[in-house]
Amino acid sequence: MLLKRLVIAVFLFFCTENALAKDDSVKSPWTFEAGLSAGRPTPIMLNAGVGYKNIFFKLMSGAMYFGTDDYWVGYHGGFAWRFFRELPFTLDLGLGVGYAFAKAPNKIHKALNRANKRLIVRPYNYKETLDISPEIRASIYGVFTDISIPVHCFMKHDEPNIIWQIGYAYGF
């Protein structure tokens, strides 16, 4: 249901952007981006970016709260060199840093604690990562995919093999 709403929002955002687009023959050296993406380890993220000529900085963040032991939060930012900046297709190569934390209820652990009438195990599962990773981002007409491979994880609990996002970012 959440993915369906994300796809509809991205589609409407893309259609509105194309309807309001204008052709400027003079390009500014500054570029800005705002968008929405889905991926791993943080399911949904808001994206923002600013660039000067071919140097680009992006920041992604997302969070969702369902209850005391049921939420997630994530941040990811990075610097990149943007190739093919004048074309509709761009390729960014850079270095990023990310943090993700998630907590989810575990019904088996809750049942075990209830059966023993005391706290034996945590009644929730959690994941936490803090990483440094090289990344590559490919974008065509605002639709992008971002892939990062962590080379160093500061928190060794459930280390991700690959971090990815796919979404739409409106550039202006």
N, C-alpha and C. Protein backbone atom coordinates (compact mmCIF):
# COMPACT_ATOMS: atom_id res chain seq x y z
N MET A 1 0.82 -1.19 0.00
CA MET A 1 0.00 0.00 0.00
C MET A 1 0.87 1.26 0.00
N LEU A 2 1.92 1.26 0.84
CA LEU A 2 2.81 2.41 0.92
C LEU A 2 3.60 2.57 -0.37
N LEU A 3 4.04 1.46 -0.96
CA LEU A 3 4.78 1.51 -2.22
C LEU A 3 3.89 2.02 -3.35
N LYS A 4 2.63 1.61 -3.35
CA LYS A 4 1.68 2.07 -4.37
C LYS A 4 1.51 3.58 -4.27
N ARG A 5 1.38 4.12 -3.08
CA ARG A 5 1.24 5.56 -2.89
C ARG A 5 2.52 6.29 -3.32
N LEU A 6 3.68 5.69 -3.03
CA LEU A 6 4.95 6.29 -3.44
C LEU A 6 5.05 6.36 -4.96
N VAL A 7 4.68 5.30 -5.66
CA VAL A 7 4.72 5.28 -7.12
C VAL A 7 3.76 6.32 -7.69
N ILE A 8 2.57 6.43 -7.15
CA ILE A 8 1.60 7.42 -7.62
C ILE A 8 2.12 8.84 -7.38
N ALA A 9 2.71 9.10 -6.21
CA ALA A 9 3.25 10.43 -5.90
C ALA A 9 4.40 10.78 -6.85
N VAL A 10 5.29 9.84 -7.11
CA VAL A 10 6.40 10.09 -8.04
C VAL A 10 5.88 10.36 -9.44
N PHE A 11 4.90 9.59 -9.88
CA PHE A 11 4.31 9.79 -11.22
C PHE A 11 3.67 11.17 -11.34
N LEU A 12 2.88 11.58 -10.36
CA LEU A 12 2.24 12.89 -10.40
C LEU A 12 3.27 14.02 -10.36
N PHE A 13 4.31 13.84 -9.54
CA PHE A 13 5.38 14.82 -9.44
C PHE A 13 6.09 14.96 -10.78
N PHE A 14 6.37 13.85 -11.46
CA PHE A 14 7.03 13.82 -12.76
C PHE A 14 6.17 14.52 -13.82
N CYS A 15 4.86 14.23 -13.85
CA CYS A 15 3.96 14.84 -14.83
C CYS A 15 3.85 16.35 -14.60
N THR A 16 3.75 16.78 -13.35
CA THR A 16 3.66 18.20 -13.04
C THR A 16 4.93 18.93 -13.44
N GLU A 17 6.07 18.31 -13.16
CA GLU A 17 7.36 18.92 -13.50
C GLU A 17 7.49 19.10 -15.00
N ASN A 18 7.11 18.11 -15.78
CA ASN A 18 7.20 18.21 -17.24
C ASN A 18 6.22 19.23 -17.80
N ALA A 19 5.05 19.38 -17.19
CA ALA A 19 4.07 20.36 -17.65
C ALA A 19 4.55 21.79 -17.39
N LEU A 20 5.26 22.00 -16.29
CA LEU A 20 5.71 23.34 -15.92
C LEU A 20 7.11 23.67 -16.41
N ALA A 21 7.79 22.72 -17.04
CA ALA A 21 9.18 22.92 -17.47
C ALA A 21 9.26 23.97 -18.56
N LYS A 22 10.33 24.75 -18.53
CA LYS A 22 10.58 25.73 -19.58
C LYS A 22 12.01 25.56 -20.08
N ASP A 23 12.25 25.97 -21.29
CA ASP A 23 13.56 25.81 -21.91
C ASP A 23 14.37 27.08 -21.70
N ASP A 24 15.44 26.97 -20.92
CA ASP A 24 16.34 28.10 -20.69
C ASP A 24 17.63 27.86 -21.46
N SER A 25 18.00 28.81 -22.31
CA SER A 25 19.24 28.65 -23.06
C SER A 25 20.45 28.99 -22.21
N VAL A 26 20.28 29.79 -21.15
CA VAL A 26 21.38 30.14 -20.27
C VAL A 26 21.28 29.26 -19.01
N LYS A 27 22.28 28.44 -18.79
CA LYS A 27 22.28 27.55 -17.62
C LYS A 27 23.08 28.16 -16.49
N SER A 28 22.56 28.06 -15.29
CA SER A 28 23.27 28.51 -14.09
C SER A 28 24.27 27.44 -13.66
N PRO A 29 25.38 27.83 -13.04
CA PRO A 29 26.31 26.81 -12.55
C PRO A 29 25.76 26.08 -11.32
N TRP A 30 24.72 26.63 -10.69
CA TRP A 30 24.12 26.01 -9.52
C TRP A 30 22.98 25.09 -9.93
N THR A 31 22.89 23.94 -9.27
CA THR A 31 21.76 23.03 -9.47
C THR A 31 21.22 22.63 -8.10
N PHE A 32 19.91 22.45 -8.05
CA PHE A 32 19.24 22.03 -6.82
C PHE A 32 18.32 20.87 -7.14
N GLU A 33 18.11 20.00 -6.17
CA GLU A 33 17.23 18.85 -6.34
C GLU A 33 16.37 18.66 -5.10
N ALA A 34 15.18 18.16 -5.32
CA ALA A 34 14.28 17.75 -4.24
C ALA A 34 13.48 16.56 -4.74
N GLY A 35 13.33 15.54 -3.90
CA GLY A 35 12.61 14.36 -4.38
C GLY A 35 12.26 13.37 -3.29
N LEU A 36 11.88 12.18 -3.74
CA LEU A 36 11.41 11.12 -2.88
C LEU A 36 11.96 9.80 -3.40
N SER A 37 12.35 8.90 -2.48
CA SER A 37 12.90 7.62 -2.92
C SER A 37 12.52 6.51 -1.95
N ALA A 38 12.68 5.29 -2.45
CA ALA A 38 12.43 4.09 -1.65
C ALA A 38 13.63 3.17 -1.81
N GLY A 39 13.93 2.39 -0.77
CA GLY A 39 15.07 1.48 -0.88
C GLY A 39 15.44 0.82 0.42
N ARG A 40 16.74 0.58 0.57
CA ARG A 40 17.24 -0.15 1.71
C ARG A 40 18.46 0.56 2.26
N PRO A 41 18.70 0.70 3.52
CA PRO A 41 17.99 0.11 4.65
C PRO A 41 16.79 0.94 5.11
N THR A 42 16.68 2.20 4.68
CA THR A 42 15.54 3.03 5.07
C THR A 42 14.51 2.97 3.95
N PRO A 43 13.28 2.49 4.26
CA PRO A 43 12.29 2.25 3.20
C PRO A 43 11.90 3.47 2.37
N ILE A 44 11.68 4.63 3.00
CA ILE A 44 11.26 5.83 2.27
C ILE A 44 12.10 7.00 2.75
N MET A 45 12.62 7.78 1.79
CA MET A 45 13.48 8.91 2.14
C MET A 45 13.10 10.14 1.31
N LEU A 46 13.20 11.29 1.94
CA LEU A 46 13.11 12.57 1.24
C LEU A 46 14.53 12.94 0.83
N ASN A 47 14.68 13.45 -0.39
CA ASN A 47 16.00 13.77 -0.93
C ASN A 47 16.12 15.26 -1.18
N ALA A 48 17.30 15.79 -0.93
CA ALA A 48 17.61 17.18 -1.26
C ALA A 48 19.06 17.22 -1.70
N GLY A 49 19.35 18.09 -2.63
CA GLY A 49 20.72 18.19 -3.11
C GLY A 49 21.01 19.57 -3.64
N VAL A 50 22.29 19.94 -3.58
CA VAL A 50 22.75 21.21 -4.12
C VAL A 50 24.09 20.95 -4.79
N GLY A 51 24.27 21.58 -5.94
CA GLY A 51 25.52 21.39 -6.67
C GLY A 51 26.01 22.68 -7.28
N TYR A 52 27.32 22.77 -7.39
CA TYR A 52 27.94 23.89 -8.09
C TYR A 52 28.82 23.31 -9.18
N LYS A 53 28.50 23.60 -10.42
CA LYS A 53 29.14 23.02 -11.59
C LYS A 53 29.07 21.50 -11.48
N ASN A 54 30.17 20.79 -11.36
CA ASN A 54 30.12 19.33 -11.33
C ASN A 54 30.24 18.75 -9.92
N ILE A 55 30.39 19.56 -8.90
CA ILE A 55 30.45 19.07 -7.52
C ILE A 55 29.04 19.08 -6.96
N PHE A 56 28.62 17.96 -6.37
CA PHE A 56 27.24 17.83 -5.92
C PHE A 56 27.20 17.25 -4.50
N PHE A 57 26.36 17.85 -3.64
CA PHE A 57 26.14 17.36 -2.29
C PHE A 57 24.68 16.96 -2.17
N LYS A 58 24.43 15.76 -1.64
CA LYS A 58 23.05 15.31 -1.45
C LYS A 58 22.84 14.84 -0.03
N LEU A 59 21.61 14.97 0.42
CA LEU A 59 21.21 14.52 1.75
C LEU A 59 19.86 13.84 1.62
N MET A 60 19.76 12.63 2.19
CA MET A 60 18.51 11.88 2.19
C MET A 60 18.16 11.56 3.64
N SER A 61 16.88 11.65 3.95
CA SER A 61 16.45 11.39 5.32
C SER A 61 15.02 10.85 5.32
N GLY A 62 14.75 9.96 6.24
CA GLY A 62 13.41 9.42 6.37
C GLY A 62 13.18 8.82 7.74
N ALA A 63 11.93 8.81 8.17
CA ALA A 63 11.57 8.22 9.46
C ALA A 63 10.09 7.88 9.46
N MET A 64 9.75 6.89 10.25
CA MET A 64 8.34 6.50 10.42
C MET A 64 8.20 5.96 11.85
N TYR A 65 7.16 6.39 12.53
CA TYR A 65 6.92 5.99 13.92
C TYR A 65 5.55 5.34 14.02
N PHE A 66 5.52 4.07 14.43
CA PHE A 66 4.27 3.33 14.60
C PHE A 66 3.94 3.09 16.07
N GLY A 67 4.92 3.18 16.94
CA GLY A 67 4.74 2.94 18.37
C GLY A 67 6.08 2.89 19.06
N THR A 68 6.05 2.62 20.38
CA THR A 68 7.27 2.62 21.18
C THR A 68 8.34 1.67 20.64
N ASP A 69 7.96 0.47 20.29
CA ASP A 69 8.93 -0.51 19.78
C ASP A 69 8.70 -0.81 18.30
N ASP A 70 8.25 0.17 17.54
CA ASP A 70 7.98 -0.06 16.12
C ASP A 70 8.22 1.23 15.34
N TYR A 71 9.47 1.46 14.95
CA TYR A 71 9.80 2.65 14.18
C TYR A 71 11.12 2.46 13.45
N TRP A 72 11.42 3.36 12.53
CA TRP A 72 12.70 3.37 11.84
C TRP A 72 13.07 4.80 11.48
N VAL A 73 14.37 5.03 11.34
CA VAL A 73 14.90 6.34 10.97
C VAL A 73 16.20 6.11 10.21
N GLY A 74 16.47 6.96 9.24
CA GLY A 74 17.70 6.83 8.48
C GLY A 74 18.13 8.13 7.84
N TYR A 75 19.43 8.31 7.73
CA TYR A 75 20.03 9.49 7.10
C TYR A 75 21.16 9.01 6.19
N HIS A 76 21.36 9.69 5.09
CA HIS A 76 22.48 9.38 4.22
C HIS A 76 22.85 10.65 3.47
N GLY A 77 24.12 10.97 3.46
CA GLY A 77 24.58 12.16 2.76
C GLY A 77 25.87 11.86 2.04
N GLY A 78 26.20 12.67 1.06
CA GLY A 78 27.44 12.42 0.36
C GLY A 78 27.83 13.53 -0.61
N PHE A 79 29.11 13.53 -0.95
CA PHE A 79 29.66 14.41 -1.97
C PHE A 79 29.96 13.58 -3.20
N ALA A 80 29.72 14.16 -4.37
CA ALA A 80 29.94 13.41 -5.60
C ALA A 80 30.40 14.34 -6.72
N TRP A 81 31.01 13.75 -7.72
CA TRP A 81 31.36 14.44 -8.94
C TRP A 81 30.32 14.05 -9.98
N ARG A 82 29.67 15.03 -10.59
CA ARG A 82 28.58 14.77 -11.54
C ARG A 82 29.13 14.82 -12.97
N PHE A 83 28.91 13.71 -13.69
CA PHE A 83 29.28 13.63 -15.09
C PHE A 83 28.05 13.90 -15.96
N PHE A 84 28.24 14.43 -17.13
CA PHE A 84 27.17 14.70 -18.11
C PHE A 84 26.11 15.65 -17.55
N ARG A 85 26.55 16.69 -16.87
CA ARG A 85 25.65 17.61 -16.20
C ARG A 85 24.71 18.33 -17.14
N GLU A 86 25.10 18.54 -18.39
CA GLU A 86 24.29 19.28 -19.34
C GLU A 86 23.24 18.40 -20.02
N LEU A 87 23.36 17.10 -19.89
CA LEU A 87 22.45 16.17 -20.56
C LEU A 87 21.30 15.75 -19.64
N PRO A 88 20.25 15.15 -20.18
CA PRO A 88 19.17 14.63 -19.33
C PRO A 88 19.63 13.44 -18.48
N PHE A 89 20.70 12.77 -18.92
CA PHE A 89 21.26 11.64 -18.16
C PHE A 89 22.46 12.14 -17.39
N THR A 90 22.52 11.86 -16.08
CA THR A 90 23.68 12.22 -15.27
C THR A 90 24.19 10.99 -14.53
N LEU A 91 25.46 11.01 -14.23
CA LEU A 91 26.11 9.94 -13.49
C LEU A 91 26.94 10.59 -12.40
N ASP A 92 26.68 10.24 -11.14
CA ASP A 92 27.41 10.81 -10.01
C ASP A 92 28.27 9.72 -9.38
N LEU A 93 29.55 10.03 -9.14
CA LEU A 93 30.45 9.13 -8.42
C LEU A 93 30.96 9.87 -7.21
N GLY A 94 30.86 9.26 -6.02
CA GLY A 94 31.28 9.97 -4.83
C GLY A 94 31.43 9.09 -3.62
N LEU A 95 31.45 9.75 -2.47
CA LEU A 95 31.62 9.10 -1.18
C LEU A 95 30.50 9.55 -0.26
N GLY A 96 29.89 8.60 0.45
CA GLY A 96 28.77 8.93 1.31
C GLY A 96 28.92 8.37 2.71
N VAL A 97 28.13 8.91 3.62
CA VAL A 97 28.07 8.46 5.01
C VAL A 97 26.60 8.27 5.35
N GLY A 98 26.27 7.17 6.01
CA GLY A 98 24.87 6.92 6.33
C GLY A 98 24.68 6.33 7.72
N TYR A 99 23.49 6.56 8.27
CA TYR A 99 23.10 6.00 9.56
C TYR A 99 21.67 5.52 9.45
N ALA A 100 21.40 4.34 9.98
CA ALA A 100 20.03 3.81 9.98
C ALA A 100 19.78 3.08 11.29
N PHE A 101 18.57 3.24 11.82
CA PHE A 101 18.17 2.55 13.04
C PHE A 101 16.72 2.11 12.88
N ALA A 102 16.45 0.89 13.24
CA ALA A 102 15.07 0.37 13.15
C ALA A 102 14.79 -0.52 14.35
N LYS A 103 13.56 -0.46 14.84
CA LYS A 103 13.09 -1.27 15.94
C LYS A 103 11.74 -1.84 15.54
N ALA A 104 11.54 -3.14 15.74
CA ALA A 104 10.27 -3.78 15.36
C ALA A 104 9.89 -4.79 16.42
N PRO A 105 8.59 -4.93 16.71
CA PRO A 105 8.15 -5.90 17.72
C PRO A 105 8.45 -7.33 17.29
N ASN A 106 8.75 -8.18 18.28
CA ASN A 106 8.99 -9.59 18.03
C ASN A 106 7.99 -10.38 18.87
N LYS A 107 6.98 -10.95 18.24
CA LYS A 107 5.91 -11.63 18.96
C LYS A 107 6.39 -12.91 19.64
N ILE A 108 7.36 -13.58 19.07
CA ILE A 108 7.89 -14.80 19.70
C ILE A 108 8.59 -14.45 21.01
N HIS A 109 9.40 -13.38 21.01
CA HIS A 109 10.07 -12.96 22.24
C HIS A 109 9.06 -12.50 23.30
N LYS A 110 8.03 -11.78 22.86
CA LYS A 110 6.99 -11.34 23.81
C LYS A 110 6.29 -12.54 24.43
N ALA A 111 5.99 -13.56 23.62
CA ALA A 111 5.33 -14.76 24.13
C ALA A 111 6.24 -15.51 25.09
N LEU A 112 7.54 -15.56 24.79
CA LEU A 112 8.49 -16.23 25.68
C LEU A 112 8.58 -15.51 27.03
N ASN A 113 8.61 -14.20 27.01
CA ASN A 113 8.63 -13.42 28.26
C ASN A 113 7.34 -13.61 29.05
N ARG A 114 6.20 -13.62 28.35
CA ARG A 114 4.91 -13.83 29.02
C ARG A 114 4.84 -15.20 29.65
N ALA A 115 5.34 -16.21 28.96
CA ALA A 115 5.30 -17.58 29.47
C ALA A 115 6.17 -17.74 30.72
N ASN A 116 7.29 -17.03 30.78
CA ASN A 116 8.19 -17.12 31.94
C ASN A 116 7.90 -16.07 33.00
N LYS A 117 6.96 -15.20 32.71
CA LYS A 117 6.53 -14.14 33.64
C LYS A 117 7.68 -13.23 34.08
N ARG A 118 8.66 -13.08 33.21
CA ARG A 118 9.75 -12.13 33.45
C ARG A 118 10.45 -11.84 32.12
N LEU A 119 11.25 -10.80 32.12
CA LEU A 119 11.95 -10.40 30.91
C LEU A 119 13.20 -11.26 30.72
N ILE A 120 13.17 -12.14 29.74
CA ILE A 120 14.31 -12.99 29.42
C ILE A 120 15.02 -12.48 28.18
N VAL A 121 14.26 -12.09 27.19
CA VAL A 121 14.81 -11.53 25.95
C VAL A 121 14.11 -10.22 25.63
N ARG A 122 14.75 -9.39 24.82
CA ARG A 122 14.12 -8.13 24.43
C ARG A 122 12.85 -8.42 23.64
N PRO A 123 11.78 -7.69 23.88
CA PRO A 123 10.52 -7.94 23.16
C PRO A 123 10.49 -7.30 21.77
N TYR A 124 11.65 -6.93 21.25
CA TYR A 124 11.71 -6.30 19.92
C TYR A 124 13.01 -6.69 19.22
N ASN A 125 13.02 -6.53 17.91
CA ASN A 125 14.23 -6.68 17.10
C ASN A 125 14.73 -5.28 16.77
N TYR A 126 16.03 -5.14 16.58
CA TYR A 126 16.54 -3.85 16.15
C TYR A 126 17.72 -4.02 15.20
N LYS A 127 17.90 -3.02 14.37
CA LYS A 127 19.04 -2.94 13.47
C LYS A 127 19.60 -1.53 13.57
N GLU A 128 20.92 -1.43 13.56
CA GLU A 128 21.57 -0.12 13.61
C GLU A 128 22.85 -0.19 12.79
N THR A 129 23.02 0.76 11.87
CA THR A 129 24.23 0.80 11.06
C THR A 129 24.71 2.24 10.93
N LEU A 130 26.02 2.39 10.89
CA LEU A 130 26.68 3.66 10.61
C LEU A 130 27.83 3.30 9.68
N ASP A 131 27.82 3.86 8.47
CA ASP A 131 28.77 3.38 7.47
C ASP A 131 29.38 4.52 6.65
N ILE A 132 30.52 4.19 6.03
CA ILE A 132 31.15 5.02 5.01
C ILE A 132 31.16 4.19 3.76
N SER A 133 30.73 4.78 2.63
CA SER A 133 30.62 3.97 1.42
C SER A 133 30.83 4.79 0.15
N PRO A 134 31.55 4.19 -0.83
CA PRO A 134 31.57 4.80 -2.15
C PRO A 134 30.22 4.57 -2.81
N GLU A 135 29.80 5.50 -3.64
CA GLU A 135 28.47 5.37 -4.22
C GLU A 135 28.45 5.83 -5.66
N ILE A 136 27.47 5.32 -6.38
CA ILE A 136 27.23 5.69 -7.77
C ILE A 136 25.74 5.95 -7.91
N ARG A 137 25.43 7.01 -8.63
CA ARG A 137 24.03 7.38 -8.84
C ARG A 137 23.81 7.68 -10.32
N ALA A 138 22.87 7.01 -10.91
CA ALA A 138 22.51 7.25 -12.31
C ALA A 138 21.11 7.84 -12.35
N SER A 139 20.94 8.89 -13.16
CA SER A 139 19.66 9.58 -13.23
C SER A 139 19.34 9.92 -14.68
N ILE A 140 18.10 9.69 -15.06
CA ILE A 140 17.64 10.10 -16.39
C ILE A 140 16.28 10.78 -16.22
N TYR A 141 16.21 12.04 -16.64
CA TYR A 141 15.00 12.87 -16.49
C TYR A 141 14.47 12.86 -15.05
N GLY A 142 15.36 12.82 -14.08
CA GLY A 142 14.97 12.89 -12.68
C GLY A 142 14.75 11.55 -12.00
N VAL A 143 14.51 10.50 -12.76
CA VAL A 143 14.35 9.16 -12.17
C VAL A 143 15.75 8.62 -11.92
N PHE A 144 16.03 8.22 -10.68
CA PHE A 144 17.40 7.83 -10.35
C PHE A 144 17.45 6.51 -9.59
N THR A 145 18.63 5.94 -9.62
CA THR A 145 18.96 4.81 -8.76
C THR A 145 20.31 5.12 -8.13
N ASP A 146 20.42 4.87 -6.85
CA ASP A 146 21.62 5.21 -6.08
C ASP A 146 22.08 3.93 -5.39
N ILE A 147 23.33 3.53 -5.64
CA ILE A 147 23.87 2.31 -5.05
C ILE A 147 25.13 2.66 -4.27
N SER A 148 25.20 2.21 -3.02
CA SER A 148 26.37 2.41 -2.16
C SER A 148 26.80 1.06 -1.62
N ILE A 149 28.11 0.86 -1.56
CA ILE A 149 28.66 -0.38 -1.01
C ILE A 149 29.51 -0.01 0.20
N PRO A 150 29.06 -0.32 1.42
CA PRO A 150 29.80 0.07 2.62
C PRO A 150 31.19 -0.57 2.67
N VAL A 151 32.21 0.27 2.83
CA VAL A 151 33.57 -0.24 2.98
C VAL A 151 33.95 -0.33 4.45
N HIS A 152 33.26 0.47 5.27
CA HIS A 152 33.52 0.40 6.72
C HIS A 152 32.22 0.67 7.47
N CYS A 153 31.85 -0.25 8.32
CA CYS A 153 30.67 -0.07 9.18
C CYS A 153 31.17 0.09 10.61
N PHE A 154 30.82 1.20 11.24
CA PHE A 154 31.25 1.45 12.61
C PHE A 154 30.49 0.59 13.61
N MET A 155 29.26 0.24 13.28
CA MET A 155 28.45 -0.61 14.14
C MET A 155 28.30 -1.94 13.44
N LYS A 156 28.81 -2.98 14.03
CA LYS A 156 28.91 -4.28 13.37
C LYS A 156 27.67 -5.15 13.54
N HIS A 157 26.53 -4.56 13.84
CA HIS A 157 25.29 -5.31 14.04
C HIS A 157 24.50 -5.32 12.72
N ASP A 158 24.33 -6.49 12.13
CA ASP A 158 23.59 -6.64 10.87
C ASP A 158 24.09 -5.69 9.78
N GLU A 159 25.37 -5.77 9.46
CA GLU A 159 25.95 -4.91 8.44
C GLU A 159 25.28 -5.13 7.09
N PRO A 160 24.92 -4.04 6.39
CA PRO A 160 24.34 -4.21 5.05
C PRO A 160 25.44 -4.51 4.02
N ASN A 161 25.13 -5.35 3.04
CA ASN A 161 26.07 -5.62 1.95
C ASN A 161 26.03 -4.51 0.92
N ILE A 162 24.83 -4.03 0.66
CA ILE A 162 24.63 -2.99 -0.33
C ILE A 162 23.49 -2.08 0.13
N ILE A 163 23.63 -0.81 -0.13
CA ILE A 163 22.60 0.16 0.22
C ILE A 163 22.10 0.74 -1.10
N TRP A 164 20.80 0.77 -1.31
CA TRP A 164 20.27 1.26 -2.57
C TRP A 164 19.02 2.10 -2.35
N GLN A 165 18.80 2.99 -3.27
CA GLN A 165 17.59 3.82 -3.31
C GLN A 165 17.18 3.97 -4.76
N ILE A 166 15.91 4.04 -5.01
CA ILE A 166 15.37 4.33 -6.34
C ILE A 166 14.25 5.33 -6.15
N GLY A 167 14.20 6.34 -7.00
CA GLY A 167 13.18 7.36 -6.81
C GLY A 167 13.21 8.43 -7.88
N TYR A 168 12.64 9.57 -7.56
CA TYR A 168 12.56 10.70 -8.47
C TYR A 168 13.00 11.96 -7.75
N ALA A 169 13.85 12.75 -8.39
CA ALA A 169 14.31 14.02 -7.84
C ALA A 169 14.13 15.10 -8.89
N TYR A 170 13.40 16.13 -8.55
CA TYR A 170 13.16 17.25 -9.45
C TYR A 170 14.35 18.19 -9.37
N GLY A 171 15.00 18.42 -10.50
CA GLY A 171 16.15 19.32 -10.53
C GLY A 171 15.74 20.69 -11.04
N PHE A 172 16.23 21.72 -10.36
CA PHE A 172 15.95 23.09 -10.80
C PHE A 172 17.16 23.96 -10.59
